[in-house]
């Protein structure tokens, strides 16, 4: 799976958890999930669970500690699949 394919699937997952005041157009590779996209911690957990289901991977606590931007998530997912 290419990074572009991973990014597209990940963007669709993230889109479902954006607060109403954040547009899906704001999702960029360098977007910080909590600071720029305003995703709260409980939704971040939901995103991780959806990522695990979608990509058939398991994320560790270390992976989650490195998860800050959309680009970080793509890199972590790519390394796991």
C-alpha atoms as a PDB file:
ATOM      1  CA  UNK A   1       0.000   0.000   0.000  1.00  0.00           C
ATOM      2  CA  UNK A   2       1.394   3.406  -0.957  1.00  0.00           C
ATOM      3  CA  UNK A   3       1.645   6.392   1.368  1.00  0.00           C
ATOM      4  CA  UNK A   4      -0.992   8.144  -0.739  1.00  0.00           C
ATOM      5  CA  UNK A   5      -3.419   5.230  -0.251  1.00  0.00           C
ATOM      6  CA  UNK A   6      -2.715   5.203   3.486  1.00  0.00           C
ATOM      7  CA  UNK A   7      -3.195   8.979   3.648  1.00  0.00           C
ATOM      8  CA  UNK A   8      -6.536   8.796   1.825  1.00  0.00           C
ATOM      9  CA  UNK A   9      -7.909   6.105   4.152  1.00  0.00           C
ATOM     10  CA  UNK A  10      -6.560   7.914   7.200  1.00  0.00           C
ATOM     11  CA  UNK A  11      -8.069  11.216   6.079  1.00  0.00           C
ATOM     12  CA  UNK A  12     -11.486   9.545   5.846  1.00  0.00           C
ATOM     13  CA  UNK A  13     -11.099   8.195   9.376  1.00  0.00           C
ATOM     14  CA  UNK A  14      -9.999  11.558  10.798  1.00  0.00           C
ATOM     15  CA  UNK A  15     -12.805  13.401   9.002  1.00  0.00           C
ATOM     16  CA  UNK A  16     -15.405  11.526  11.088  1.00  0.00           C
ATOM     17  CA  UNK A  17     -13.919  12.856  14.334  1.00  0.00           C
ATOM     18  CA  UNK A  18     -13.345  16.503  13.466  1.00  0.00           C
ATOM     19  CA  UNK A  19     -15.219  18.995  15.626  1.00  0.00           C
ATOM     20  CA  UNK A  20     -17.877  21.048  13.850  1.00  0.00           C
ATOM     21  CA  UNK A  21     -15.673  24.157  13.824  1.00  0.00           C
ATOM     22  CA  UNK A  22     -12.867  22.426  11.862  1.00  0.00           C
ATOM     23  CA  UNK A  23     -13.195  21.863   8.132  1.00  0.00           C
ATOM     24  CA  UNK A  24     -12.003  18.648   6.490  1.00  0.00           C
ATOM     25  CA  UNK A  25      -9.994  20.920   4.199  1.00  0.00           C
ATOM     26  CA  UNK A  26      -7.749  21.596   7.210  1.00  0.00           C
ATOM     27  CA  UNK A  27      -6.470  18.008   7.136  1.00  0.00           C
ATOM     28  CA  UNK A  28      -2.936  18.256   5.765  1.00  0.00           C
ATOM     29  CA  UNK A  29       0.112  16.011   6.239  1.00  0.00           C
ATOM     30  CA  UNK A  30       1.660  18.437   8.744  1.00  0.00           C
ATOM     31  CA  UNK A  31      -1.583  19.072  10.652  1.00  0.00           C
ATOM     32  CA  UNK A  32      -1.270  18.395  14.369  1.00  0.00           C
ATOM     33  CA  UNK A  33      -4.142  16.140  15.361  1.00  0.00           C
ATOM     34  CA  UNK A  34      -4.877  17.762  18.708  1.00  0.00           C
ATOM     35  CA  UNK A  35      -3.630  21.321  18.284  1.00  0.00           C
ATOM     36  CA  UNK A  36      -4.654  22.193  14.733  1.00  0.00           C
ATOM     37  CA  UNK A  37      -7.489  19.735  14.097  1.00  0.00           C
ATOM     38  CA  UNK A  38      -8.825  20.044  17.684  1.00  0.00           C
ATOM     39  CA  UNK A  39      -9.335  16.299  18.094  1.00  0.00           C
ATOM     40  CA  UNK A  40      -9.892  15.534  21.754  1.00  0.00           C
ATOM     41  CA  UNK A  41      -8.235  12.630  23.547  1.00  0.00           C
ATOM     42  CA  UNK A  42     -11.276  10.350  23.485  1.00  0.00           C
ATOM     43  CA  UNK A  43     -11.676  10.830  19.738  1.00  0.00           C
ATOM     44  CA  UNK A  44      -7.961  10.221  19.305  1.00  0.00           C
ATOM     45  CA  UNK A  45      -8.475   6.814  20.909  1.00  0.00           C
ATOM     46  CA  UNK A  46     -11.373   6.188  18.505  1.00  0.00           C
ATOM     47  CA  UNK A  47      -9.131   7.119  15.575  1.00  0.00           C
ATOM     48  CA  UNK A  48      -6.458   4.687  16.780  1.00  0.00           C
ATOM     49  CA  UNK A  49      -9.055   1.904  17.056  1.00  0.00           C
ATOM     50  CA  UNK A  50     -10.377   2.676  13.571  1.00  0.00           C
ATOM     51  CA  UNK A  51      -6.831   2.703  12.175  1.00  0.00           C
ATOM     52  CA  UNK A  52      -6.146  -0.680  13.744  1.00  0.00           C
ATOM     53  CA  UNK A  53      -9.339  -2.107  12.231  1.00  0.00           C
ATOM     54  CA  UNK A  54      -8.917  -0.512   8.811  1.00  0.00           C
ATOM     55  CA  UNK A  55      -5.264  -1.434   8.343  1.00  0.00           C
ATOM     56  CA  UNK A  56      -5.336  -4.693  10.349  1.00  0.00           C
ATOM     57  CA  UNK A  57      -2.459  -3.565  12.584  1.00  0.00           C
ATOM     58  CA  UNK A  58      -1.863  -3.157  16.313  1.00  0.00           C
ATOM     59  CA  UNK A  59      -0.503   0.117  17.639  1.00  0.00           C
ATOM     60  CA  UNK A  60       1.617   0.094  20.775  1.00  0.00           C
ATOM     61  CA  UNK A  61       1.800   2.767  23.452  1.00  0.00           C
ATOM     62  CA  UNK A  62       5.126   3.853  21.923  1.00  0.00           C
ATOM     63  CA  UNK A  63       3.406   4.277  18.552  1.00  0.00           C
ATOM     64  CA  UNK A  64       0.694   6.386  20.124  1.00  0.00           C
ATOM     65  CA  UNK A  65       3.253   8.599  21.888  1.00  0.00           C
ATOM     66  CA  UNK A  66       4.772   9.376  18.470  1.00  0.00           C
ATOM     67  CA  UNK A  67       1.376  10.180  16.970  1.00  0.00           C
ATOM     68  CA  UNK A  68       1.222  13.961  16.650  1.00  0.00           C
ATOM     69  CA  UNK A  69       0.620  14.835  13.016  1.00  0.00           C
ATOM     70  CA  UNK A  70      -1.175  13.185  10.124  1.00  0.00           C
ATOM     71  CA  UNK A  71       2.242  12.522   8.576  1.00  0.00           C
ATOM     72  CA  UNK A  72       3.331  10.730  11.789  1.00  0.00           C
ATOM     73  CA  UNK A  73       0.292   8.496  11.530  1.00  0.00           C
ATOM     74  CA  UNK A  74       1.017   7.649   7.888  1.00  0.00           C
ATOM     75  CA  UNK A  75       4.614   6.767   8.778  1.00  0.00           C
ATOM     76  CA  UNK A  76       3.574   4.574  11.714  1.00  0.00           C
ATOM     77  CA  UNK A  77       0.926   2.782   9.658  1.00  0.00           C
ATOM     78  CA  UNK A  78       3.323   2.238   6.750  1.00  0.00           C
ATOM     79  CA  UNK A  79       5.892   0.698   9.110  1.00  0.00           C
ATOM     80  CA  UNK A  80       3.264  -1.655  10.558  1.00  0.00           C
ATOM     81  CA  UNK A  81       1.792  -3.034   7.316  1.00  0.00           C
END
